[in-house]
N, C-alpha and C. Protein backbone atom coordinates (compact mmCIF):
# COMPACT_ATOMS: atom_id res chain seq x y z
N MET A 1 -2.61 17.51 9.94
CA MET A 1 -1.81 16.57 9.18
C MET A 1 -0.37 17.07 9.10
N ASN A 2 0.55 16.12 9.13
CA ASN A 2 1.95 16.51 9.00
C ASN A 2 2.40 16.39 7.55
N ASP A 3 3.69 16.43 7.34
CA ASP A 3 4.22 16.41 5.98
C ASP A 3 4.14 15.05 5.32
N ASN A 4 3.84 14.00 6.06
CA ASN A 4 3.80 12.67 5.46
C ASN A 4 2.37 12.15 5.42
N ILE A 5 1.70 12.42 4.33
CA ILE A 5 0.30 12.04 4.19
C ILE A 5 0.08 10.54 4.31
N LEU A 6 1.06 9.75 3.86
CA LEU A 6 0.89 8.29 3.97
C LEU A 6 0.80 7.87 5.43
N ASN A 7 1.62 8.47 6.28
CA ASN A 7 1.53 8.14 7.71
C ASN A 7 0.21 8.62 8.30
N ASP A 8 -0.25 9.80 7.88
CA ASP A 8 -1.52 10.32 8.37
C ASP A 8 -2.67 9.38 7.99
N VAL A 9 -2.69 8.97 6.73
CA VAL A 9 -3.74 8.06 6.27
C VAL A 9 -3.65 6.74 7.03
N TYR A 10 -2.44 6.24 7.23
CA TYR A 10 -2.24 4.99 7.95
C TYR A 10 -2.81 5.08 9.37
N GLN A 11 -2.60 6.21 10.03
CA GLN A 11 -3.12 6.38 11.39
C GLN A 11 -4.65 6.35 11.40
N VAL A 12 -5.28 6.94 10.39
CA VAL A 12 -6.74 6.88 10.28
C VAL A 12 -7.19 5.44 10.06
N ILE A 13 -6.46 4.71 9.23
CA ILE A 13 -6.78 3.30 8.98
C ILE A 13 -6.71 2.51 10.28
N LEU A 14 -5.67 2.72 11.07
CA LEU A 14 -5.56 2.02 12.36
C LEU A 14 -6.71 2.40 13.29
N ASP A 15 -7.11 3.66 13.26
CA ASP A 15 -8.24 4.09 14.08
C ASP A 15 -9.52 3.40 13.65
N ARG A 16 -9.73 3.30 12.34
CA ARG A 16 -10.94 2.62 11.83
C ARG A 16 -10.92 1.12 12.18
N LYS A 17 -9.73 0.55 12.20
CA LYS A 17 -9.59 -0.86 12.58
C LYS A 17 -9.95 -1.04 14.04
N ALA A 18 -9.47 -0.15 14.89
CA ALA A 18 -9.71 -0.25 16.34
C ALA A 18 -11.11 0.19 16.73
N ASN A 19 -11.68 1.12 15.97
CA ASN A 19 -12.99 1.69 16.29
C ASN A 19 -13.87 1.68 15.05
N PRO A 20 -14.27 0.49 14.61
CA PRO A 20 -15.03 0.41 13.36
C PRO A 20 -16.39 1.10 13.47
N GLY A 21 -16.71 1.85 12.43
CA GLY A 21 -18.02 2.49 12.36
C GLY A 21 -18.80 1.89 11.22
N ASP A 22 -20.11 1.99 11.32
CA ASP A 22 -20.97 1.40 10.30
C ASP A 22 -20.79 2.04 8.93
N SER A 23 -20.40 3.32 8.90
CA SER A 23 -20.31 4.01 7.62
C SER A 23 -18.86 4.10 7.11
N SER A 24 -17.95 3.37 7.73
CA SER A 24 -16.54 3.45 7.34
C SER A 24 -16.20 2.38 6.31
N TYR A 25 -15.76 2.83 5.14
CA TYR A 25 -15.32 1.91 4.10
C TYR A 25 -14.13 1.09 4.59
N THR A 26 -13.19 1.76 5.25
CA THR A 26 -12.00 1.07 5.75
C THR A 26 -12.37 0.00 6.76
N ALA A 27 -13.26 0.34 7.69
CA ALA A 27 -13.69 -0.65 8.69
C ALA A 27 -14.38 -1.83 8.02
N SER A 28 -15.15 -1.56 6.96
CA SER A 28 -15.83 -2.67 6.28
C SER A 28 -14.82 -3.58 5.60
N LEU A 29 -13.75 -3.01 5.03
CA LEU A 29 -12.70 -3.84 4.44
C LEU A 29 -12.04 -4.71 5.51
N MET A 30 -11.71 -4.10 6.64
CA MET A 30 -11.07 -4.83 7.73
C MET A 30 -11.96 -5.98 8.20
N LYS A 31 -13.25 -5.70 8.32
CA LYS A 31 -14.20 -6.72 8.78
C LYS A 31 -14.31 -7.88 7.79
N LYS A 32 -14.26 -7.57 6.50
CA LYS A 32 -14.37 -8.61 5.47
C LYS A 32 -13.12 -9.48 5.41
N GLY A 33 -11.99 -8.93 5.86
CA GLY A 33 -10.80 -9.74 6.00
C GLY A 33 -9.79 -9.66 4.88
N LEU A 34 -8.75 -10.46 5.05
CA LEU A 34 -7.58 -10.42 4.20
C LEU A 34 -7.90 -10.66 2.72
N ASP A 35 -8.70 -11.65 2.41
CA ASP A 35 -8.97 -11.96 1.00
C ASP A 35 -9.61 -10.77 0.28
N THR A 36 -10.53 -10.07 0.94
CA THR A 36 -11.17 -8.91 0.33
C THR A 36 -10.17 -7.78 0.15
N ILE A 37 -9.32 -7.56 1.15
CA ILE A 37 -8.30 -6.52 1.06
C ILE A 37 -7.34 -6.83 -0.09
N LEU A 38 -6.89 -8.07 -0.18
CA LEU A 38 -5.97 -8.46 -1.26
C LEU A 38 -6.62 -8.29 -2.63
N LYS A 39 -7.89 -8.62 -2.72
CA LYS A 39 -8.61 -8.46 -3.99
C LYS A 39 -8.62 -6.98 -4.39
N LYS A 40 -8.86 -6.09 -3.43
CA LYS A 40 -8.86 -4.66 -3.72
C LYS A 40 -7.48 -4.18 -4.15
N VAL A 41 -6.43 -4.65 -3.49
CA VAL A 41 -5.07 -4.27 -3.89
C VAL A 41 -4.82 -4.70 -5.34
N GLY A 42 -5.22 -5.92 -5.66
CA GLY A 42 -5.05 -6.42 -7.03
C GLY A 42 -5.84 -5.62 -8.04
N GLU A 43 -7.08 -5.29 -7.71
CA GLU A 43 -7.91 -4.48 -8.61
C GLU A 43 -7.28 -3.12 -8.85
N GLU A 44 -6.83 -2.50 -7.77
CA GLU A 44 -6.24 -1.16 -7.90
C GLU A 44 -4.93 -1.20 -8.69
N ALA A 45 -4.14 -2.25 -8.49
CA ALA A 45 -2.89 -2.38 -9.26
C ALA A 45 -3.21 -2.52 -10.75
N THR A 46 -4.22 -3.31 -11.06
CA THR A 46 -4.62 -3.49 -12.46
C THR A 46 -5.13 -2.18 -13.05
N GLU A 47 -5.93 -1.45 -12.27
CA GLU A 47 -6.44 -0.17 -12.75
C GLU A 47 -5.30 0.82 -12.99
N LEU A 48 -4.26 0.76 -12.16
CA LEU A 48 -3.10 1.63 -12.36
C LEU A 48 -2.36 1.25 -13.64
N VAL A 49 -2.22 -0.04 -13.89
CA VAL A 49 -1.58 -0.50 -15.12
C VAL A 49 -2.35 0.03 -16.34
N ILE A 50 -3.66 -0.08 -16.30
CA ILE A 50 -4.49 0.39 -17.41
C ILE A 50 -4.35 1.90 -17.57
N ALA A 51 -4.37 2.63 -16.45
CA ALA A 51 -4.19 4.08 -16.51
C ALA A 51 -2.83 4.44 -17.08
N GLY A 52 -1.80 3.71 -16.67
CA GLY A 52 -0.46 3.95 -17.18
C GLY A 52 -0.40 3.74 -18.69
N LYS A 53 -1.04 2.70 -19.12
CA LYS A 53 -1.08 2.43 -20.56
C LYS A 53 -1.83 3.53 -21.30
N GLY A 54 -2.86 4.08 -20.68
CA GLY A 54 -3.64 5.15 -21.30
C GLY A 54 -2.93 6.49 -21.31
N GLU A 55 -1.90 6.61 -20.49
CA GLU A 55 -1.04 7.81 -20.45
C GLU A 55 -1.79 9.09 -20.13
N VAL A 56 -2.89 9.00 -19.37
CA VAL A 56 -3.60 10.20 -18.92
C VAL A 56 -3.13 10.50 -17.49
N ARG A 57 -2.38 11.57 -17.37
CA ARG A 57 -1.71 11.92 -16.12
C ARG A 57 -2.66 11.88 -14.91
N GLU A 58 -3.82 12.51 -15.01
CA GLU A 58 -4.76 12.59 -13.89
C GLU A 58 -5.25 11.19 -13.48
N GLN A 59 -5.47 10.32 -14.46
CA GLN A 59 -5.90 8.95 -14.14
C GLN A 59 -4.80 8.18 -13.43
N ILE A 60 -3.57 8.38 -13.87
CA ILE A 60 -2.44 7.70 -13.23
C ILE A 60 -2.31 8.15 -11.78
N VAL A 61 -2.44 9.45 -11.54
CA VAL A 61 -2.36 9.98 -10.17
C VAL A 61 -3.50 9.41 -9.32
N TYR A 62 -4.72 9.42 -9.85
CA TYR A 62 -5.89 8.92 -9.13
C TYR A 62 -5.74 7.44 -8.77
N GLU A 63 -5.34 6.65 -9.74
CA GLU A 63 -5.22 5.21 -9.50
C GLU A 63 -4.04 4.89 -8.58
N THR A 64 -2.97 5.69 -8.65
CA THR A 64 -1.86 5.50 -7.73
C THR A 64 -2.31 5.77 -6.31
N ALA A 65 -3.09 6.82 -6.11
CA ALA A 65 -3.62 7.12 -4.78
C ALA A 65 -4.48 5.96 -4.27
N ASP A 66 -5.32 5.40 -5.14
CA ASP A 66 -6.14 4.25 -4.74
C ASP A 66 -5.27 3.06 -4.33
N LEU A 67 -4.22 2.80 -5.12
CA LEU A 67 -3.34 1.68 -4.81
C LEU A 67 -2.60 1.93 -3.50
N PHE A 68 -2.08 3.14 -3.30
CA PHE A 68 -1.42 3.47 -2.03
C PHE A 68 -2.37 3.25 -0.86
N PHE A 69 -3.60 3.76 -0.99
CA PHE A 69 -4.58 3.62 0.09
C PHE A 69 -4.83 2.16 0.43
N HIS A 70 -5.13 1.36 -0.57
CA HIS A 70 -5.46 -0.05 -0.31
C HIS A 70 -4.24 -0.82 0.18
N THR A 71 -3.05 -0.43 -0.24
CA THR A 71 -1.82 -1.03 0.28
C THR A 71 -1.67 -0.69 1.76
N LEU A 72 -1.98 0.55 2.13
CA LEU A 72 -1.94 0.93 3.55
C LEU A 72 -2.96 0.15 4.37
N VAL A 73 -4.12 -0.11 3.79
CA VAL A 73 -5.12 -0.94 4.49
C VAL A 73 -4.54 -2.33 4.73
N LEU A 74 -3.90 -2.90 3.72
CA LEU A 74 -3.26 -4.21 3.88
C LEU A 74 -2.21 -4.17 4.99
N LEU A 75 -1.36 -3.15 4.96
CA LEU A 75 -0.34 -3.03 6.00
C LEU A 75 -0.98 -2.93 7.38
N GLY A 76 -2.02 -2.10 7.50
CA GLY A 76 -2.71 -1.96 8.78
C GLY A 76 -3.34 -3.26 9.24
N HIS A 77 -3.92 -3.99 8.32
CA HIS A 77 -4.53 -5.28 8.66
C HIS A 77 -3.47 -6.24 9.19
N GLN A 78 -2.29 -6.20 8.61
CA GLN A 78 -1.20 -7.12 8.98
C GLN A 78 -0.33 -6.58 10.12
N GLY A 79 -0.62 -5.37 10.60
CA GLY A 79 0.17 -4.80 11.69
C GLY A 79 1.58 -4.39 11.26
N ILE A 80 1.72 -3.98 10.02
CA ILE A 80 3.01 -3.55 9.48
C ILE A 80 2.93 -2.03 9.28
N SER A 81 3.87 -1.32 9.86
CA SER A 81 3.84 0.14 9.72
C SER A 81 4.49 0.57 8.41
N PRO A 82 4.07 1.71 7.87
CA PRO A 82 4.74 2.22 6.69
C PRO A 82 6.23 2.43 6.95
N GLU A 83 6.61 2.72 8.18
CA GLU A 83 8.03 2.92 8.50
C GLU A 83 8.86 1.68 8.17
N GLU A 84 8.28 0.49 8.33
CA GLU A 84 9.00 -0.73 7.96
C GLU A 84 9.28 -0.77 6.45
N VAL A 85 8.33 -0.30 5.67
CA VAL A 85 8.52 -0.24 4.22
C VAL A 85 9.54 0.83 3.88
N TYR A 86 9.44 1.99 4.54
CA TYR A 86 10.42 3.06 4.31
C TYR A 86 11.83 2.57 4.63
N ALA A 87 11.97 1.83 5.73
CA ALA A 87 13.29 1.31 6.12
C ALA A 87 13.84 0.37 5.04
N GLU A 88 12.97 -0.45 4.47
CA GLU A 88 13.41 -1.35 3.40
C GLU A 88 13.83 -0.55 2.17
N LEU A 89 13.08 0.49 1.85
CA LEU A 89 13.47 1.33 0.72
C LEU A 89 14.80 2.04 0.99
N ARG A 90 14.99 2.51 2.24
CA ARG A 90 16.27 3.13 2.60
C ARG A 90 17.41 2.14 2.45
N ARG A 91 17.16 0.89 2.86
CA ARG A 91 18.19 -0.14 2.76
C ARG A 91 18.60 -0.35 1.31
N ARG A 92 17.63 -0.29 0.41
CA ARG A 92 17.89 -0.53 -1.01
C ARG A 92 18.45 0.69 -1.73
N PHE A 93 18.23 1.87 -1.17
CA PHE A 93 18.62 3.11 -1.84
C PHE A 93 20.11 3.13 -2.11
N GLY A 94 20.47 3.42 -3.35
CA GLY A 94 21.88 3.49 -3.72
C GLY A 94 22.48 2.16 -4.12
N ILE A 95 21.68 1.10 -4.04
CA ILE A 95 22.14 -0.22 -4.47
C ILE A 95 21.55 -0.48 -5.85
N SER A 96 22.34 -0.98 -6.74
CA SER A 96 21.84 -1.35 -8.06
C SER A 96 20.68 -2.32 -7.90
N GLY A 97 19.62 -2.11 -8.66
CA GLY A 97 18.48 -3.02 -8.61
C GLY A 97 18.86 -4.45 -8.93
N ILE A 98 19.79 -4.62 -9.85
CA ILE A 98 20.25 -5.96 -10.22
C ILE A 98 21.02 -6.58 -9.06
N ALA A 99 21.90 -5.80 -8.43
CA ALA A 99 22.68 -6.32 -7.29
C ALA A 99 21.75 -6.67 -6.13
N GLU A 100 20.74 -5.82 -5.87
CA GLU A 100 19.82 -6.08 -4.77
C GLU A 100 19.02 -7.35 -5.02
N LYS A 101 18.55 -7.53 -6.24
CA LYS A 101 17.79 -8.73 -6.59
C LYS A 101 18.67 -9.97 -6.48
N ASN A 102 19.91 -9.89 -6.95
CA ASN A 102 20.84 -11.02 -6.85
C ASN A 102 21.11 -11.38 -5.40
N ALA A 103 21.23 -10.38 -4.54
CA ALA A 103 21.46 -10.63 -3.11
C ALA A 103 20.28 -11.36 -2.50
N ARG A 104 19.06 -10.95 -2.87
CA ARG A 104 17.86 -11.64 -2.36
C ARG A 104 17.81 -13.06 -2.83
N THR A 105 18.11 -13.29 -4.09
CA THR A 105 18.06 -14.63 -4.69
C THR A 105 19.08 -15.55 -4.02
N SER A 106 20.28 -15.06 -3.76
CA SER A 106 21.32 -15.90 -3.18
C SER A 106 21.06 -16.23 -1.71
N THR A 107 20.29 -15.37 -1.00
CA THR A 107 20.03 -15.65 0.42
C THR A 107 18.73 -16.41 0.62
N SER A 108 17.86 -16.45 -0.40
CA SER A 108 16.59 -17.15 -0.23
C SER A 108 16.63 -18.57 -0.75
N GLY A 109 17.68 -18.92 -1.43
CA GLY A 109 17.72 -20.24 -2.07
C GLY A 109 18.41 -21.21 -1.25
């Protein structure tokens, strides 16, 4: 594994997508399709919110890892690399959140 665990996990997800195994949780999610993957992302996001409210550090870390993982599954299912997300974050870096949101609103309307 290299220094970027998210990329490493993403590569395993792509491998499971291309070479599904009977005992692979990731492959089973891919096989069940987008709605199941989205449901898992939503569940994990909700569990992270609850953990955050509970303020137990270990639970927050655990649930964040779950959300990251299921988000990577979604990206893999959709053929979107984490690098595309990193590029978007780089684009936003150093820009006021309010200014960035206003720019999106003015170009989408």
